[in-house]
Amino acid sequence: MSKSGIEKFIAGAALGVGLGVLFAPKSGEETRKDLKKKLDELVDQAKNIDIEEVKKDIMRRVEDIKMELVDLDKEKALEIAKEKGEALKAKAQELVELAKEKGTPVLKKTANDVLDNVIKVSKETQKKLAGK
């Protein structure tokens, strides 16, 4: 946390304490004493903040979020790859059916080869994206 960040934190906390004390049903003198006491407590607490520990904690949480985003990207890519693989497989199957319908053995063999390759590439892509 930067110096100005700590200052903003302290100012915000002081404002909250001040408002809480001011709206409490006490006399003005009691309220001022309570406010001073609370502000002194806040200053003592702020002095005891381990900035390095706060910094490490924030960095760790940022890294956790980054890793979650990477995993999310992988999951989304895998999902898209599966969908595209199924769409390609369906188109290749249509090609095989057309080749069968036309009765051309050479065309039928080539269409089957295309279908086999589409399935192979789709599976390989999904394995890579899944990290296997």
C-alpha atoms as a PDB file:
ATOM      1  CA  MET A   1       0.000   0.000   0.000  1.00  0.00           C
ATOM      2  CA  SER A   2       1.451   3.367  -0.950  1.00  0.00           C
ATOM      3  CA  LYS A   3       1.854   6.235   1.466  1.00  0.00           C
ATOM      4  CA  SER A   4      -1.125   8.021  -0.064  1.00  0.00           C
ATOM      5  CA  GLY A   5      -3.125   4.776   0.085  1.00  0.00           C
ATOM      6  CA  ILE A   6      -2.519   4.497   3.821  1.00  0.00           C
ATOM      7  CA  GLU A   7      -3.376   8.147   4.249  1.00  0.00           C
ATOM      8  CA  LYS A   8      -6.665   7.647   2.383  1.00  0.00           C
ATOM      9  CA  PHE A   9      -7.427   4.576   4.493  1.00  0.00           C
ATOM     10  CA  ILE A  10      -6.764   6.493   7.713  1.00  0.00           C
ATOM     11  CA  ALA A  11      -8.780   9.493   6.540  1.00  0.00           C
ATOM     12  CA  GLY A  12     -11.720   7.281   5.589  1.00  0.00           C
ATOM     13  CA  ALA A  13     -11.596   5.386   8.860  1.00  0.00           C
ATOM     14  CA  ALA A  14     -11.309   8.644  10.811  1.00  0.00           C
ATOM     15  CA  LEU A  15     -14.310  10.057   8.989  1.00  0.00           C
ATOM     16  CA  GLY A  16     -16.316   6.930   9.805  1.00  0.00           C
ATOM     17  CA  VAL A  17     -15.308   7.031  13.461  1.00  0.00           C
ATOM     18  CA  GLY A  18     -16.001  10.757  13.631  1.00  0.00           C
ATOM     19  CA  LEU A  19     -19.482  10.420  12.161  1.00  0.00           C
ATOM     20  CA  GLY A  20     -20.264   7.505  14.457  1.00  0.00           C
ATOM     21  CA  VAL A  21     -19.194   9.426  17.515  1.00  0.00           C
ATOM     22  CA  LEU A  22     -20.932  12.647  16.452  1.00  0.00           C
ATOM     23  CA  PHE A  23     -24.259  10.916  15.966  1.00  0.00           C
ATOM     24  CA  ALA A  24     -24.020   9.090  19.298  1.00  0.00           C
ATOM     25  CA  PRO A  25     -26.441  10.398  21.978  1.00  0.00           C
ATOM     26  CA  LYS A  26     -23.818  11.982  24.268  1.00  0.00           C
ATOM     27  CA  SER A  27     -22.874  15.473  25.381  1.00  0.00           C
ATOM     28  CA  GLY A  28     -20.458  17.508  23.258  1.00  0.00           C
ATOM     29  CA  GLU A  29     -17.606  17.102  25.726  1.00  0.00           C
ATOM     30  CA  GLU A  30     -18.074  13.300  25.956  1.00  0.00           C
ATOM     31  CA  THR A  31     -18.342  13.072  22.197  1.00  0.00           C
ATOM     32  CA  ARG A  32     -15.091  14.991  21.686  1.00  0.00           C
ATOM     33  CA  LYS A  33     -13.302  12.781  24.238  1.00  0.00           C
ATOM     34  CA  ASP A  34     -14.611   9.630  22.539  1.00  0.00           C
ATOM     35  CA  LEU A  35     -13.629  10.979  19.135  1.00  0.00           C
ATOM     36  CA  LYS A  36     -10.085  11.780  20.308  1.00  0.00           C
ATOM     37  CA  LYS A  37      -9.777   8.338  21.898  1.00  0.00           C
ATOM     38  CA  LYS A  38     -10.973   6.580  18.745  1.00  0.00           C
ATOM     39  CA  LEU A  39      -8.666   8.652  16.544  1.00  0.00           C
ATOM     40  CA  ASP A  40      -5.709   7.816  18.799  1.00  0.00           C
ATOM     41  CA  GLU A  41      -6.609   4.115  18.544  1.00  0.00           C
ATOM     42  CA  LEU A  42      -6.807   4.417  14.777  1.00  0.00           C
ATOM     43  CA  VAL A  43      -3.399   6.101  14.561  1.00  0.00           C
ATOM     44  CA  ASP A  44      -1.893   3.341  16.743  1.00  0.00           C
ATOM     45  CA  GLN A  45      -3.419   0.665  14.525  1.00  0.00           C
ATOM     46  CA  ALA A  46      -2.195   2.405  11.372  1.00  0.00           C
ATOM     47  CA  LYS A  47       1.343   2.529  12.783  1.00  0.00           C
ATOM     48  CA  ASN A  48       1.245  -1.221  13.324  1.00  0.00           C
ATOM     49  CA  ILE A  49       0.281  -2.049   9.732  1.00  0.00           C
ATOM     50  CA  ASP A  50       2.938  -4.221   8.136  1.00  0.00           C
ATOM     51  CA  ILE A  51       3.065  -2.693   4.659  1.00  0.00           C
ATOM     52  CA  GLU A  52       5.176  -5.540   3.256  1.00  0.00           C
ATOM     53  CA  GLU A  53       2.690  -8.120   4.512  1.00  0.00           C
ATOM     54  CA  VAL A  54      -0.220  -6.185   2.990  1.00  0.00           C
ATOM     55  CA  LYS A  55       1.714  -5.879  -0.264  1.00  0.00           C
ATOM     56  CA  LYS A  56       2.473  -9.622  -0.335  1.00  0.00           C
ATOM     57  CA  ASP A  57      -1.157 -10.458   0.390  1.00  0.00           C
ATOM     58  CA  ILE A  58      -2.383  -8.187  -2.407  1.00  0.00           C
ATOM     59  CA  MET A  59       0.166  -9.610  -4.861  1.00  0.00           C
ATOM     60  CA  ARG A  60      -0.831 -13.166  -3.954  1.00  0.00           C
ATOM     61  CA  ARG A  61      -4.492 -12.382  -4.531  1.00  0.00           C
ATOM     62  CA  VAL A  62      -3.719 -10.701  -7.862  1.00  0.00           C
ATOM     63  CA  GLU A  63      -1.768 -13.798  -8.964  1.00  0.00           C
ATOM     64  CA  ASP A  64      -4.670 -16.026  -7.896  1.00  0.00           C
ATOM     65  CA  ILE A  65      -7.037 -13.960 -10.030  1.00  0.00           C
ATOM     66  CA  LYS A  66      -4.663 -14.124 -13.006  1.00  0.00           C
ATOM     67  CA  MET A  67      -4.465 -17.924 -12.737  1.00  0.00           C
ATOM     68  CA  GLU A  68      -8.244 -18.170 -12.582  1.00  0.00           C
ATOM     69  CA  LEU A  69      -8.463 -16.052 -15.738  1.00  0.00           C
ATOM     70  CA  VAL A  70      -5.965 -18.310 -17.529  1.00  0.00           C
ATOM     71  CA  ASP A  71      -7.983 -21.364 -16.500  1.00  0.00           C
ATOM     72  CA  LEU A  72     -11.156 -19.655 -17.672  1.00  0.00           C
ATOM     73  CA  ASP A  73      -9.551 -18.888 -21.031  1.00  0.00           C
ATOM     74  CA  LYS A  74      -8.460 -22.523 -21.378  1.00  0.00           C
ATOM     75  CA  GLU A  75     -11.932 -23.772 -20.503  1.00  0.00           C
ATOM     76  CA  LYS A  76     -13.530 -21.394 -22.981  1.00  0.00           C
ATOM     77  CA  ALA A  77     -11.033 -22.376 -25.710  1.00  0.00           C
ATOM     78  CA  LEU A  78     -11.658 -26.070 -25.027  1.00  0.00           C
ATOM     79  CA  GLU A  79     -15.403 -25.540 -25.216  1.00  0.00           C
ATOM     80  CA  ILE A  80     -15.060 -23.673 -28.509  1.00  0.00           C
ATOM     81  CA  ALA A  81     -12.718 -26.351 -29.880  1.00  0.00           C
ATOM     82  CA  LYS A  82     -15.259 -29.053 -29.021  1.00  0.00           C
ATOM     83  CA  GLU A  83     -18.063 -27.130 -30.703  1.00  0.00           C
ATOM     84  CA  LYS A  84     -15.979 -26.447 -33.805  1.00  0.00           C
ATOM     85  CA  GLY A  85     -14.801 -30.067 -33.884  1.00  0.00           C
ATOM     86  CA  GLU A  86     -18.387 -31.311 -33.820  1.00  0.00           C
ATOM     87  CA  ALA A  87     -19.377 -28.856 -36.567  1.00  0.00           C
ATOM     88  CA  LEU A  88     -16.426 -29.952 -38.736  1.00  0.00           C
ATOM     89  CA  LYS A  89     -17.227 -33.590 -38.106  1.00  0.00           C
ATOM     90  CA  ALA A  90     -20.839 -33.022 -39.189  1.00  0.00           C
ATOM     91  CA  LYS A  91     -19.717 -31.289 -42.399  1.00  0.00           C
ATOM     92  CA  ALA A  92     -17.233 -34.078 -43.149  1.00  0.00           C
ATOM     93  CA  GLN A  93     -19.971 -36.654 -42.519  1.00  0.00           C
ATOM     94  CA  GLU A  94     -22.194 -34.782 -44.993  1.00  0.00           C
ATOM     95  CA  LEU A  95     -19.369 -35.032 -47.506  1.00  0.00           C
ATOM     96  CA  VAL A  96     -19.144 -38.799 -46.929  1.00  0.00           C
ATOM     97  CA  GLU A  97     -22.898 -39.157 -47.381  1.00  0.00           C
ATOM     98  CA  LEU A  98     -22.767 -37.169 -50.623  1.00  0.00           C
ATOM     99  CA  ALA A  99     -19.921 -39.366 -51.891  1.00  0.00           C
ATOM    100  CA  LYS A 100     -21.935 -42.513 -51.034  1.00  0.00           C
ATOM    101  CA  GLU A 101     -24.998 -41.083 -52.763  1.00  0.00           C
ATOM    102  CA  LYS A 102     -23.053 -40.308 -55.924  1.00  0.00           C
ATOM    103  CA  GLY A 103     -21.524 -43.777 -55.819  1.00  0.00           C
ATOM    104  CA  THR A 104     -18.009 -42.737 -56.685  1.00  0.00           C
ATOM    105  CA  PRO A 105     -15.523 -45.024 -54.861  1.00  0.00           C
ATOM    106  CA  VAL A 106     -12.601 -42.592 -55.150  1.00  0.00           C
ATOM    107  CA  LEU A 107     -14.690 -39.702 -53.842  1.00  0.00           C
ATOM    108  CA  LYS A 108     -16.079 -41.896 -51.053  1.00  0.00           C
ATOM    109  CA  LYS A 109     -12.558 -42.928 -49.912  1.00  0.00           C
ATOM    110  CA  THR A 110     -11.317 -39.328 -49.977  1.00  0.00           C
ATOM    111  CA  ALA A 111     -14.374 -38.110 -48.048  1.00  0.00           C
ATOM    112  CA  ASN A 112     -13.802 -40.827 -45.426  1.00  0.00           C
ATOM    113  CA  ASP A 113     -10.160 -39.759 -45.171  1.00  0.00           C
ATOM    114  CA  VAL A 114     -11.282 -36.162 -44.617  1.00  0.00           C
ATOM    115  CA  LEU A 115     -13.692 -37.299 -41.901  1.00  0.00           C
ATOM    116  CA  ASP A 116     -10.979 -39.369 -40.182  1.00  0.00           C
ATOM    117  CA  ASN A 117      -8.545 -36.436 -40.279  1.00  0.00           C
ATOM    118  CA  VAL A 118     -11.153 -34.006 -38.933  1.00  0.00           C
ATOM    119  CA  ILE A 119     -11.819 -36.342 -36.014  1.00  0.00           C
ATOM    120  CA  LYS A 120      -8.084 -36.818 -35.384  1.00  0.00           C
ATOM    121  CA  VAL A 121      -7.292 -33.078 -35.488  1.00  0.00           C
ATOM    122  CA  SER A 122     -10.276 -32.275 -33.293  1.00  0.00           C
ATOM    123  CA  LYS A 123      -9.202 -34.796 -30.646  1.00  0.00           C
ATOM    124  CA  GLU A 124      -5.573 -33.617 -30.722  1.00  0.00           C
ATOM    125  CA  THR A 125      -6.636 -29.989 -30.351  1.00  0.00           C
ATOM    126  CA  GLN A 126      -8.886 -30.808 -27.422  1.00  0.00           C
ATOM    127  CA  LYS A 127      -6.100 -32.818 -25.727  1.00  0.00           C
ATOM    128  CA  LYS A 128      -3.677 -29.908 -26.092  1.00  0.00           C
ATOM    129  CA  LEU A 129      -6.179 -27.432 -24.708  1.00  0.00           C
ATOM    130  CA  ALA A 130      -7.022 -29.757 -21.830  1.00  0.00           C
ATOM    131  CA  GLY A 131      -3.308 -30.020 -21.014  1.00  0.00           C
ATOM    132  CA  LYS A 132      -3.137 -33.795 -21.465  1.00  0.00           C
END
